[in-house]
Amino acid sequence: MIKNNPEQMDNYISRLKYQLDEVSRLESARLEALSEGRTEGKAEGRIEGLKEGENRGELFGQIKVLQEILGVSEPSRDELTTFDMTQLSELCELLRQNLRSRSSN
């Protein structure tokens, strides 16, 4: 038996320590990779958020200018904040078409 043979016991303990160290190393690497992934994801999310914010702001500005030119007040700025990008783009295009048709008359 292993208990009776000190050399086998030392080998067993060494293998066990190695296995535990390997498990610990792998877990540490997994946690580090997870942390890096979260950090990168947050940075990418911020960049995407900034881009979308810029695009929304640009559309808001265009809509407000078109509304002023056309003398239209609806929808209000508060209402516009509830619109998604597709709705903002569609409204902007509708206002442009109204301006074009008004200009051609």
N, C-alpha and C. Protein backbone atom coordinates (compact mmCIF):
# COMPACT_ATOMS: atom_id res chain seq x y z
N MET A 1 0.82 -1.18 0.00
CA MET A 1 0.00 0.00 0.00
C MET A 1 0.87 1.25 0.00
N ILE A 2 0.23 2.35 -0.40
CA ILE A 2 0.96 3.63 -0.49
C ILE A 2 1.42 4.06 0.89
N LYS A 3 0.61 3.86 1.90
CA LYS A 3 0.97 4.28 3.25
C LYS A 3 2.27 3.63 3.72
N ASN A 4 2.49 2.43 3.29
CA ASN A 4 3.67 1.69 3.73
C ASN A 4 4.92 2.03 2.93
N ASN A 5 4.76 2.66 1.78
CA ASN A 5 5.91 2.97 0.94
C ASN A 5 6.06 4.49 0.86
N PRO A 6 7.04 5.08 1.58
CA PRO A 6 7.21 6.54 1.60
C PRO A 6 7.44 7.14 0.22
N GLU A 7 8.13 6.46 -0.66
CA GLU A 7 8.41 6.99 -2.00
C GLU A 7 7.11 7.10 -2.80
N GLN A 8 6.28 6.09 -2.74
CA GLN A 8 5.00 6.13 -3.43
C GLN A 8 4.10 7.24 -2.85
N MET A 9 4.16 7.37 -1.52
CA MET A 9 3.38 8.42 -0.86
C MET A 9 3.84 9.80 -1.31
N ASP A 10 5.15 10.01 -1.42
CA ASP A 10 5.69 11.29 -1.90
C ASP A 10 5.26 11.54 -3.35
N ASN A 11 5.29 10.50 -4.18
CA ASN A 11 4.85 10.64 -5.58
C ASN A 11 3.37 10.99 -5.66
N TYR A 12 2.60 10.32 -4.82
CA TYR A 12 1.16 10.58 -4.79
C TYR A 12 0.88 12.03 -4.37
N ILE A 13 1.54 12.48 -3.32
CA ILE A 13 1.36 13.85 -2.83
C ILE A 13 1.81 14.86 -3.89
N SER A 14 2.92 14.57 -4.55
CA SER A 14 3.42 15.47 -5.61
C SER A 14 2.43 15.57 -6.76
N ARG A 15 1.87 14.42 -7.19
CA ARG A 15 0.87 14.44 -8.27
C ARG A 15 -0.37 15.21 -7.83
N LEU A 16 -0.80 14.99 -6.62
CA LEU A 16 -1.98 15.68 -6.10
C LEU A 16 -1.75 17.19 -6.06
N LYS A 17 -0.57 17.60 -5.58
CA LYS A 17 -0.24 19.04 -5.54
C LYS A 17 -0.21 19.61 -6.95
N TYR A 18 0.37 18.87 -7.89
CA TYR A 18 0.44 19.32 -9.27
C TYR A 18 -0.97 19.51 -9.84
N GLN A 19 -1.85 18.53 -9.58
CA GLN A 19 -3.21 18.62 -10.08
C GLN A 19 -3.94 19.82 -9.47
N LEU A 20 -3.77 20.03 -8.20
CA LEU A 20 -4.41 21.17 -7.54
C LEU A 20 -3.86 22.49 -8.06
N ASP A 21 -2.55 22.54 -8.26
CA ASP A 21 -1.94 23.75 -8.83
C ASP A 21 -2.47 24.02 -10.23
N GLU A 22 -2.62 22.96 -11.03
CA GLU A 22 -3.11 23.10 -12.40
C GLU A 22 -4.56 23.62 -12.40
N VAL A 23 -5.38 23.07 -11.51
CA VAL A 23 -6.76 23.53 -11.40
C VAL A 23 -6.79 25.01 -11.01
N SER A 24 -5.95 25.38 -10.06
CA SER A 24 -5.88 26.76 -9.61
C SER A 24 -5.41 27.68 -10.73
N ARG A 25 -4.41 27.26 -11.48
CA ARG A 25 -3.88 28.05 -12.60
C ARG A 25 -4.96 28.26 -13.66
N LEU A 26 -5.67 27.19 -14.00
CA LEU A 26 -6.72 27.29 -15.01
C LEU A 26 -7.86 28.20 -14.55
N GLU A 27 -8.23 28.09 -13.30
CA GLU A 27 -9.29 28.95 -12.76
C GLU A 27 -8.85 30.41 -12.76
N SER A 28 -7.61 30.64 -12.40
CA SER A 28 -7.08 32.00 -12.41
C SER A 28 -7.07 32.58 -13.83
N ALA A 29 -6.65 31.77 -14.80
CA ALA A 29 -6.64 32.21 -16.20
C ALA A 29 -8.05 32.49 -16.69
N ARG A 30 -9.01 31.65 -16.29
CA ARG A 30 -10.41 31.84 -16.69
C ARG A 30 -10.95 33.15 -16.13
N LEU A 31 -10.66 33.42 -14.86
CA LEU A 31 -11.14 34.65 -14.24
C LEU A 31 -10.50 35.89 -14.86
N GLU A 32 -9.24 35.78 -15.20
CA GLU A 32 -8.55 36.91 -15.85
C GLU A 32 -9.15 37.18 -17.23
N ALA A 33 -9.39 36.10 -17.99
CA ALA A 33 -9.99 36.26 -19.32
C ALA A 33 -11.39 36.84 -19.22
N LEU A 34 -12.14 36.40 -18.23
CA LEU A 34 -13.48 36.93 -18.02
C LEU A 34 -13.44 38.42 -17.70
N SER A 35 -12.52 38.81 -16.85
CA SER A 35 -12.37 40.21 -16.49
C SER A 35 -11.98 41.05 -17.71
N GLU A 36 -11.03 40.56 -18.49
CA GLU A 36 -10.62 41.28 -19.70
C GLU A 36 -11.78 41.40 -20.68
N GLY A 37 -12.55 40.32 -20.83
CA GLY A 37 -13.70 40.35 -21.73
C GLY A 37 -14.73 41.37 -21.30
N ARG A 38 -14.97 41.46 -20.00
CA ARG A 38 -15.92 42.45 -19.50
C ARG A 38 -15.42 43.86 -19.77
N THR A 39 -14.14 44.08 -19.52
CA THR A 39 -13.56 45.41 -19.73
C THR A 39 -13.66 45.81 -21.20
N GLU A 40 -13.31 44.88 -22.09
CA GLU A 40 -13.40 45.17 -23.52
C GLU A 40 -14.84 45.40 -23.95
N GLY A 41 -15.75 44.59 -23.41
CA GLY A 41 -17.17 44.74 -23.74
C GLY A 41 -17.72 46.09 -23.30
N LYS A 42 -17.31 46.53 -22.12
CA LYS A 42 -17.77 47.83 -21.63
C LYS A 42 -17.24 48.95 -22.52
N ALA A 43 -15.97 48.85 -22.91
CA ALA A 43 -15.38 49.89 -23.77
C ALA A 43 -16.10 49.92 -25.12
N GLU A 44 -16.35 48.75 -25.70
CA GLU A 44 -17.05 48.70 -26.98
C GLU A 44 -18.47 49.24 -26.84
N GLY A 45 -19.11 48.91 -25.72
CA GLY A 45 -20.47 49.40 -25.48
C GLY A 45 -20.51 50.91 -25.36
N ARG A 46 -19.50 51.48 -24.70
CA ARG A 46 -19.43 52.94 -24.58
C ARG A 46 -19.29 53.59 -25.94
N ILE A 47 -18.40 53.02 -26.76
CA ILE A 47 -18.17 53.58 -28.10
C ILE A 47 -19.45 53.52 -28.93
N GLU A 48 -20.12 52.36 -28.89
CA GLU A 48 -21.37 52.22 -29.64
C GLU A 48 -22.42 53.19 -29.11
N GLY A 49 -22.47 53.34 -27.80
CA GLY A 49 -23.43 54.27 -27.19
C GLY A 49 -23.17 55.70 -27.61
N LEU A 50 -21.89 56.07 -27.65
CA LEU A 50 -21.54 57.43 -28.08
C LEU A 50 -21.94 57.66 -29.54
N LYS A 51 -21.67 56.67 -30.38
CA LYS A 51 -22.02 56.80 -31.80
C LYS A 51 -23.53 56.93 -31.97
N GLU A 52 -24.27 56.10 -31.24
CA GLU A 52 -25.73 56.18 -31.35
C GLU A 52 -26.23 57.52 -30.82
N GLY A 53 -25.61 57.98 -29.74
CA GLY A 53 -25.99 59.29 -29.19
C GLY A 53 -25.74 60.41 -30.18
N GLU A 54 -24.59 60.34 -30.86
CA GLU A 54 -24.29 61.35 -31.87
C GLU A 54 -25.31 61.31 -33.01
N ASN A 55 -25.63 60.10 -33.45
CA ASN A 55 -26.60 59.95 -34.54
C ASN A 55 -27.98 60.45 -34.12
N ARG A 56 -28.39 60.12 -32.89
CA ARG A 56 -29.69 60.59 -32.40
C ARG A 56 -29.70 62.12 -32.31
N GLY A 57 -28.60 62.69 -31.81
CA GLY A 57 -28.51 64.14 -31.69
C GLY A 57 -28.59 64.82 -33.04
N GLU A 58 -27.92 64.23 -34.02
CA GLU A 58 -27.96 64.79 -35.37
C GLU A 58 -29.37 64.75 -35.93
N LEU A 59 -30.05 63.62 -35.75
CA LEU A 59 -31.43 63.52 -36.23
C LEU A 59 -32.36 64.48 -35.49
N PHE A 60 -32.17 64.59 -34.17
CA PHE A 60 -32.97 65.55 -33.39
C PHE A 60 -32.81 66.94 -33.98
N GLY A 61 -31.57 67.33 -34.24
CA GLY A 61 -31.31 68.66 -34.78
C GLY A 61 -31.96 68.87 -36.13
N GLN A 62 -31.84 67.89 -37.01
CA GLN A 62 -32.46 68.00 -38.34
C GLN A 62 -33.97 68.10 -38.22
N ILE A 63 -34.54 67.28 -37.36
CA ILE A 63 -36.00 67.30 -37.18
C ILE A 63 -36.46 68.65 -36.66
N LYS A 64 -35.76 69.18 -35.67
CA LYS A 64 -36.15 70.47 -35.09
C LYS A 64 -36.06 71.59 -36.13
N VAL A 65 -35.00 71.59 -36.95
CA VAL A 65 -34.85 72.61 -37.99
C VAL A 65 -35.97 72.46 -39.02
N LEU A 66 -36.24 71.25 -39.44
CA LEU A 66 -37.32 71.02 -40.42
C LEU A 66 -38.67 71.42 -39.84
N GLN A 67 -38.89 71.12 -38.57
CA GLN A 67 -40.14 71.52 -37.93
C GLN A 67 -40.28 73.05 -37.91
N GLU A 68 -39.19 73.73 -37.61
CA GLU A 68 -39.23 75.20 -37.59
C GLU A 68 -39.55 75.75 -38.97
N ILE A 69 -38.88 75.22 -39.99
CA ILE A 69 -39.09 75.70 -41.35
C ILE A 69 -40.53 75.45 -41.78
N LEU A 70 -41.04 74.27 -41.44
CA LEU A 70 -42.41 73.90 -41.84
C LEU A 70 -43.48 74.46 -40.92
N GLY A 71 -43.07 75.02 -39.79
CA GLY A 71 -44.04 75.56 -38.83
C GLY A 71 -44.81 74.45 -38.12
N VAL A 72 -44.15 73.34 -37.90
CA VAL A 72 -44.78 72.18 -37.26
C VAL A 72 -44.17 72.01 -35.87
N SER A 73 -44.98 71.76 -34.88
CA SER A 73 -44.43 71.59 -33.53
C SER A 73 -44.55 70.16 -33.00
N GLU A 74 -45.26 69.32 -33.71
CA GLU A 74 -45.44 67.93 -33.27
C GLU A 74 -44.53 67.01 -34.06
N PRO A 75 -43.97 66.03 -33.46
CA PRO A 75 -43.94 65.73 -32.02
C PRO A 75 -42.97 66.65 -31.28
N SER A 76 -43.22 66.78 -29.98
CA SER A 76 -42.38 67.65 -29.15
C SER A 76 -41.04 66.97 -28.88
N ARG A 77 -40.11 67.75 -28.36
CA ARG A 77 -38.79 67.21 -28.02
C ARG A 77 -38.91 66.05 -27.03
N ASP A 78 -39.79 66.20 -26.04
CA ASP A 78 -39.99 65.11 -25.07
C ASP A 78 -40.49 63.85 -25.75
N GLU A 79 -41.40 64.02 -26.69
CA GLU A 79 -41.92 62.86 -27.43
C GLU A 79 -40.83 62.22 -28.29
N LEU A 80 -39.99 63.07 -28.88
CA LEU A 80 -38.92 62.54 -29.73
C LEU A 80 -37.95 61.65 -28.95
N THR A 81 -37.76 61.95 -27.69
CA THR A 81 -36.82 61.14 -26.89
C THR A 81 -37.29 59.69 -26.73
N THR A 82 -38.58 59.45 -26.96
CA THR A 82 -39.10 58.09 -26.84
C THR A 82 -38.98 57.32 -28.16
N PHE A 83 -38.64 58.00 -29.23
CA PHE A 83 -38.54 57.37 -30.55
C PHE A 83 -37.22 56.59 -30.65
N ASP A 84 -37.27 55.45 -31.34
CA ASP A 84 -36.02 54.74 -31.63
C ASP A 84 -35.42 55.34 -32.91
N MET A 85 -34.24 54.85 -33.28
CA MET A 85 -33.53 55.41 -34.43
C MET A 85 -34.33 55.28 -35.72
N THR A 86 -35.02 54.18 -35.89
CA THR A 86 -35.82 53.99 -37.11
C THR A 86 -36.94 55.01 -37.18
N GLN A 87 -37.63 55.21 -36.07
CA GLN A 87 -38.72 56.18 -36.04
C GLN A 87 -38.20 57.60 -36.29
N LEU A 88 -37.05 57.93 -35.70
CA LEU A 88 -36.47 59.25 -35.93
C LEU A 88 -36.11 59.45 -37.40
N SER A 89 -35.51 58.44 -38.00
CA SER A 89 -35.12 58.52 -39.41
C SER A 89 -36.34 58.67 -40.30
N GLU A 90 -37.39 57.90 -39.99
CA GLU A 90 -38.61 57.99 -40.79
C GLU A 90 -39.27 59.36 -40.66
N LEU A 91 -39.31 59.90 -39.46
CA LEU A 91 -39.89 61.23 -39.25
C LEU A 91 -39.08 62.28 -39.99
N CYS A 92 -37.77 62.18 -39.91
CA CYS A 92 -36.90 63.14 -40.59
C CYS A 92 -37.15 63.10 -42.10
N GLU A 93 -37.24 61.90 -42.64
CA GLU A 93 -37.50 61.75 -44.08
C GLU A 93 -38.88 62.30 -44.45
N LEU A 94 -39.88 62.06 -43.62
CA LEU A 94 -41.23 62.58 -43.87
C LEU A 94 -41.22 64.11 -43.89
N LEU A 95 -40.52 64.71 -42.93
CA LEU A 95 -40.43 66.17 -42.89
C LEU A 95 -39.70 66.71 -44.12
N ARG A 96 -38.65 66.02 -44.55
CA ARG A 96 -37.93 66.44 -45.77
C ARG A 96 -38.86 66.40 -46.99
N GLN A 97 -39.64 65.31 -47.08
CA GLN A 97 -40.58 65.19 -48.21
C GLN A 97 -41.61 66.31 -48.18
N ASN A 98 -42.10 66.64 -46.97
CA ASN A 98 -43.05 67.74 -46.83
C ASN A 98 -42.42 69.05 -47.28
N LEU A 99 -41.16 69.28 -46.93
CA LEU A 99 -40.49 70.50 -47.33
C LEU A 99 -40.31 70.54 -48.85
N ARG A 100 -39.94 69.41 -49.43
CA ARG A 100 -39.76 69.35 -50.89
C ARG A 100 -41.09 69.62 -51.61
N SER A 101 -42.14 68.99 -51.14
CA SER A 101 -43.44 69.19 -51.80
C SER A 101 -43.94 70.62 -51.60
N ARG A 102 -43.63 71.21 -50.48
CA ARG A 102 -44.01 72.60 -50.22
C ARG A 102 -43.21 73.54 -51.12
N SER A 103 -41.94 73.22 -51.33
CA SER A 103 -41.07 74.06 -52.16
C SER A 103 -41.45 73.97 -53.63
N SER A 104 -41.95 72.81 -54.06
CA SER A 104 -42.29 72.65 -55.48
C SER A 104 -43.64 73.27 -55.82
N ASN A 105 -44.43 73.62 -54.85
CA ASN A 105 -45.75 74.24 -55.10
C ASN A 105 -45.65 75.72 -55.23
